[in-house]
């Protein structure tokens, strides 16, 4: 398991296909970048989605929101910082801050909320049913990058 403080921030380079005719990233891509950053961090701490799914745990998105502050353009590199705002073994809430890697200008802030289910779709408590996973995800709870 990786030390949270040793994890590098997630970076994304805006690709041509993510932009419109003006070279500006389409708003839907920011939500994808949230997911990319979340997946990256979970994998880095040793509990990526693939590993959870192999154990019979799924984690659907309950809600997601984004507030756009300024545009990103083709070939920009952005940092996606995460902050866990809630984790109790049943639900997980995350705040995201997307900023320009060169200027540090904030481009977008957002949030997502997730829960944990078994493969039949029933809610589960990781604290109760999977204490070994809960211990790893408690590390995720320590993230305060933004």
C-alpha atoms as a PDB file:
ATOM      1  CA  UNK A   1       0.000   0.000   0.000  1.00  0.00           C
ATOM      2  CA  UNK A   2       1.334   3.424  -0.974  1.00  0.00           C
ATOM      3  CA  UNK A   3       1.768   6.274   1.491  1.00  0.00           C
ATOM      4  CA  UNK A   4      -0.886   8.903   0.697  1.00  0.00           C
ATOM      5  CA  UNK A   5       1.651  11.726   0.953  1.00  0.00           C
ATOM      6  CA  UNK A   6       3.849  10.051  -1.688  1.00  0.00           C
ATOM      7  CA  UNK A   7       1.087   9.943  -4.320  1.00  0.00           C
ATOM      8  CA  UNK A   8       1.614  12.421  -7.131  1.00  0.00           C
ATOM      9  CA  UNK A   9      -1.393  14.580  -8.073  1.00  0.00           C
ATOM     10  CA  UNK A  10      -3.390  13.317 -11.016  1.00  0.00           C
ATOM     11  CA  UNK A  11      -2.680  15.215 -14.246  1.00  0.00           C
ATOM     12  CA  UNK A  12      -4.561  15.192 -17.513  1.00  0.00           C
ATOM     13  CA  UNK A  13      -3.599  16.674 -20.863  1.00  0.00           C
ATOM     14  CA  UNK A  14      -6.619  17.942 -22.776  1.00  0.00           C
ATOM     15  CA  UNK A  15      -6.940  15.943 -25.975  1.00  0.00           C
ATOM     16  CA  UNK A  16      -8.190  17.195 -29.330  1.00  0.00           C
ATOM     17  CA  UNK A  17     -11.240  14.908 -29.280  1.00  0.00           C
ATOM     18  CA  UNK A  18     -12.291  16.452 -25.944  1.00  0.00           C
ATOM     19  CA  UNK A  19     -12.662  19.904 -27.496  1.00  0.00           C
ATOM     20  CA  UNK A  20     -15.217  21.692 -29.603  1.00  0.00           C
ATOM     21  CA  UNK A  21     -14.692  23.662 -32.800  1.00  0.00           C
ATOM     22  CA  UNK A  22     -13.116  26.515 -30.789  1.00  0.00           C
ATOM     23  CA  UNK A  23     -10.547  24.227 -29.147  1.00  0.00           C
ATOM     24  CA  UNK A  24     -12.288  24.470 -25.744  1.00  0.00           C
ATOM     25  CA  UNK A  25     -12.817  21.330 -23.658  1.00  0.00           C
ATOM     26  CA  UNK A  26     -16.460  20.243 -23.612  1.00  0.00           C
ATOM     27  CA  UNK A  27     -18.025  20.522 -20.147  1.00  0.00           C
ATOM     28  CA  UNK A  28     -18.824  16.787 -19.951  1.00  0.00           C
ATOM     29  CA  UNK A  29     -15.113  15.944 -19.917  1.00  0.00           C
ATOM     30  CA  UNK A  30     -14.597  17.475 -16.475  1.00  0.00           C
ATOM     31  CA  UNK A  31     -16.811  14.750 -15.002  1.00  0.00           C
ATOM     32  CA  UNK A  32     -14.658  12.153 -16.774  1.00  0.00           C
ATOM     33  CA  UNK A  33     -11.535  13.769 -15.311  1.00  0.00           C
ATOM     34  CA  UNK A  34     -13.077  13.511 -11.832  1.00  0.00           C
ATOM     35  CA  UNK A  35     -13.487   9.770 -12.410  1.00  0.00           C
ATOM     36  CA  UNK A  36      -9.986   9.386 -13.829  1.00  0.00           C
ATOM     37  CA  UNK A  37      -8.498  11.093 -10.748  1.00  0.00           C
ATOM     38  CA  UNK A  38     -10.633   9.046  -8.345  1.00  0.00           C
ATOM     39  CA  UNK A  39      -9.695   5.788 -10.072  1.00  0.00           C
ATOM     40  CA  UNK A  40      -6.025   6.773 -10.095  1.00  0.00           C
ATOM     41  CA  UNK A  41      -5.941   7.542  -6.366  1.00  0.00           C
ATOM     42  CA  UNK A  42      -7.861   4.380  -5.409  1.00  0.00           C
ATOM     43  CA  UNK A  43      -5.442   2.293  -7.453  1.00  0.00           C
ATOM     44  CA  UNK A  44      -2.460   4.067  -5.894  1.00  0.00           C
ATOM     45  CA  UNK A  45      -3.652   3.257  -2.362  1.00  0.00           C
ATOM     46  CA  UNK A  46      -4.163  -0.378  -3.299  1.00  0.00           C
ATOM     47  CA  UNK A  47      -7.942  -0.544  -3.683  1.00  0.00           C
ATOM     48  CA  UNK A  48      -8.812   0.228  -7.285  1.00  0.00           C
ATOM     49  CA  UNK A  49     -12.229  -0.462  -8.747  1.00  0.00           C
ATOM     50  CA  UNK A  50     -10.972  -3.621 -10.461  1.00  0.00           C
ATOM     51  CA  UNK A  51      -9.861  -5.078  -7.130  1.00  0.00           C
ATOM     52  CA  UNK A  52     -13.149  -4.109  -5.415  1.00  0.00           C
ATOM     53  CA  UNK A  53     -15.196  -5.670  -8.213  1.00  0.00           C
ATOM     54  CA  UNK A  54     -13.171  -8.897  -7.986  1.00  0.00           C
ATOM     55  CA  UNK A  55     -14.227  -9.010  -4.320  1.00  0.00           C
ATOM     56  CA  UNK A  56     -17.904  -8.493  -5.238  1.00  0.00           C
ATOM     57  CA  UNK A  57     -18.119  -4.799  -4.330  1.00  0.00           C
ATOM     58  CA  UNK A  58     -19.445  -2.120  -6.660  1.00  0.00           C
ATOM     59  CA  UNK A  59     -19.460   1.612  -6.028  1.00  0.00           C
ATOM     60  CA  UNK A  60     -21.973   3.511  -8.167  1.00  0.00           C
ATOM     61  CA  UNK A  61     -22.149   7.271  -8.432  1.00  0.00           C
ATOM     62  CA  UNK A  62     -25.105   8.654  -6.481  1.00  0.00           C
ATOM     63  CA  UNK A  63     -24.594  12.264  -7.544  1.00  0.00           C
ATOM     64  CA  UNK A  64     -22.086  14.455  -9.318  1.00  0.00           C
ATOM     65  CA  UNK A  65     -21.860  18.211  -9.808  1.00  0.00           C
ATOM     66  CA  UNK A  66     -19.474  20.669 -11.405  1.00  0.00           C
ATOM     67  CA  UNK A  67     -19.077  24.451 -11.338  1.00  0.00           C
ATOM     68  CA  UNK A  68     -17.056  25.789 -14.216  1.00  0.00           C
ATOM     69  CA  UNK A  69     -14.821  28.791 -13.530  1.00  0.00           C
ATOM     70  CA  UNK A  70     -12.790  29.141 -16.737  1.00  0.00           C
ATOM     71  CA  UNK A  71     -12.111  27.242 -19.919  1.00  0.00           C
ATOM     72  CA  UNK A  72      -9.477  24.651 -20.697  1.00  0.00           C
ATOM     73  CA  UNK A  73      -8.124  24.295 -24.194  1.00  0.00           C
ATOM     74  CA  UNK A  74      -6.573  21.658 -26.374  1.00  0.00           C
ATOM     75  CA  UNK A  75      -3.174  20.558 -25.044  1.00  0.00           C
ATOM     76  CA  UNK A  76      -3.569  22.274 -21.630  1.00  0.00           C
ATOM     77  CA  UNK A  77      -2.394  20.160 -18.719  1.00  0.00           C
ATOM     78  CA  UNK A  78      -4.633  20.232 -15.668  1.00  0.00           C
ATOM     79  CA  UNK A  79      -4.185  18.942 -12.143  1.00  0.00           C
ATOM     80  CA  UNK A  80      -7.148  17.239 -10.522  1.00  0.00           C
ATOM     81  CA  UNK A  81      -6.941  17.463  -6.732  1.00  0.00           C
ATOM     82  CA  UNK A  82      -9.263  15.438  -4.505  1.00  0.00           C
ATOM     83  CA  UNK A  83     -10.500  15.940  -0.996  1.00  0.00           C
ATOM     84  CA  UNK A  84     -12.569  13.318   0.754  1.00  0.00           C
ATOM     85  CA  UNK A  85     -15.381  15.157   2.519  1.00  0.00           C
ATOM     86  CA  UNK A  86     -17.154  12.074   3.887  1.00  0.00           C
ATOM     87  CA  UNK A  87     -16.375   8.411   4.319  1.00  0.00           C
ATOM     88  CA  UNK A  88     -18.236   6.221   6.782  1.00  0.00           C
ATOM     89  CA  UNK A  89     -17.894   2.754   5.273  1.00  0.00           C
ATOM     90  CA  UNK A  90     -21.236   3.019   3.461  1.00  0.00           C
ATOM     91  CA  UNK A  91     -20.905   6.287   1.527  1.00  0.00           C
ATOM     92  CA  UNK A  92     -18.014   8.255   0.108  1.00  0.00           C
ATOM     93  CA  UNK A  93     -18.133  11.942  -0.889  1.00  0.00           C
ATOM     94  CA  UNK A  94     -15.329  13.677  -2.756  1.00  0.00           C
ATOM     95  CA  UNK A  95     -14.581  17.286  -3.676  1.00  0.00           C
ATOM     96  CA  UNK A  96     -12.550  17.940  -6.840  1.00  0.00           C
ATOM     97  CA  UNK A  97     -10.543  20.978  -7.873  1.00  0.00           C
ATOM     98  CA  UNK A  98      -9.277  21.148 -11.441  1.00  0.00           C
ATOM     99  CA  UNK A  99      -6.542  23.714 -12.002  1.00  0.00           C
ATOM    100  CA  UNK A 100      -4.108  24.679 -14.735  1.00  0.00           C
ATOM    101  CA  UNK A 101      -0.770  22.977 -14.078  1.00  0.00           C
ATOM    102  CA  UNK A 102       1.241  26.069 -15.091  1.00  0.00           C
ATOM    103  CA  UNK A 103      -0.786  28.995 -13.734  1.00  0.00           C
ATOM    104  CA  UNK A 104      -2.674  27.176 -10.918  1.00  0.00           C
ATOM    105  CA  UNK A 105      -5.836  28.958 -12.108  1.00  0.00           C
ATOM    106  CA  UNK A 106      -8.891  27.032 -10.948  1.00  0.00           C
ATOM    107  CA  UNK A 107     -10.844  25.801 -13.943  1.00  0.00           C
ATOM    108  CA  UNK A 108     -13.584  23.775 -12.246  1.00  0.00           C
ATOM    109  CA  UNK A 109     -14.688  22.605  -8.803  1.00  0.00           C
ATOM    110  CA  UNK A 110     -17.040  19.732  -8.264  1.00  0.00           C
ATOM    111  CA  UNK A 111     -18.148  16.863  -6.114  1.00  0.00           C
ATOM    112  CA  UNK A 112     -19.364  13.297  -6.307  1.00  0.00           C
ATOM    113  CA  UNK A 113     -21.049  10.937  -3.892  1.00  0.00           C
ATOM    114  CA  UNK A 114     -20.802   7.144  -4.011  1.00  0.00           C
ATOM    115  CA  UNK A 115     -22.075   4.178  -2.067  1.00  0.00           C
ATOM    116  CA  UNK A 116     -20.945   0.563  -1.744  1.00  0.00           C
ATOM    117  CA  UNK A 117     -23.120  -2.324  -2.902  1.00  0.00           C
ATOM    118  CA  UNK A 118     -22.767  -6.052  -3.282  1.00  0.00           C
ATOM    119  CA  UNK A 119     -23.202  -7.539  -6.760  1.00  0.00           C
ATOM    120  CA  UNK A 120     -26.937  -8.015  -6.162  1.00  0.00           C
ATOM    121  CA  UNK A 121     -27.281  -4.259  -5.600  1.00  0.00           C
ATOM    122  CA  UNK A 122     -27.765  -4.328  -1.826  1.00  0.00           C
ATOM    123  CA  UNK A 123     -25.995  -1.659   0.270  1.00  0.00           C
ATOM    124  CA  UNK A 124     -23.082  -2.907   2.340  1.00  0.00           C
ATOM    125  CA  UNK A 125     -20.942  -1.493   5.114  1.00  0.00           C
ATOM    126  CA  UNK A 126     -17.261  -1.905   4.375  1.00  0.00           C
ATOM    127  CA  UNK A 127     -16.505  -1.312   8.077  1.00  0.00           C
ATOM    128  CA  UNK A 128     -18.632  -4.303   9.051  1.00  0.00           C
ATOM    129  CA  UNK A 129     -18.319  -6.667   6.069  1.00  0.00           C
ATOM    130  CA  UNK A 130     -14.847  -5.871   4.702  1.00  0.00           C
ATOM    131  CA  UNK A 131     -12.704  -4.396   7.502  1.00  0.00           C
ATOM    132  CA  UNK A 132      -9.506  -4.996   5.501  1.00  0.00           C
ATOM    133  CA  UNK A 133     -10.871  -2.832   2.661  1.00  0.00           C
ATOM    134  CA  UNK A 134     -12.196  -0.258   5.101  1.00  0.00           C
ATOM    135  CA  UNK A 135      -8.700   0.082   6.582  1.00  0.00           C
ATOM    136  CA  UNK A 136      -7.310   0.835   3.110  1.00  0.00           C
ATOM    137  CA  UNK A 137     -10.104   3.277   2.267  1.00  0.00           C
ATOM    138  CA  UNK A 138      -9.510   5.084   5.562  1.00  0.00           C
ATOM    139  CA  UNK A 139      -6.218   6.091   3.914  1.00  0.00           C
ATOM    140  CA  UNK A 140      -8.267   7.590   1.068  1.00  0.00           C
ATOM    141  CA  UNK A 141     -10.093   9.565   3.757  1.00  0.00           C
ATOM    142  CA  UNK A 142      -6.780  11.268   4.614  1.00  0.00           C
ATOM    143  CA  UNK A 143      -6.521  12.957   1.206  1.00  0.00           C
ATOM    144  CA  UNK A 144      -6.709  16.728   1.452  1.00  0.00           C
ATOM    145  CA  UNK A 145      -4.815  17.923  -1.639  1.00  0.00           C
ATOM    146  CA  UNK A 146      -6.972  20.852  -2.703  1.00  0.00           C
END
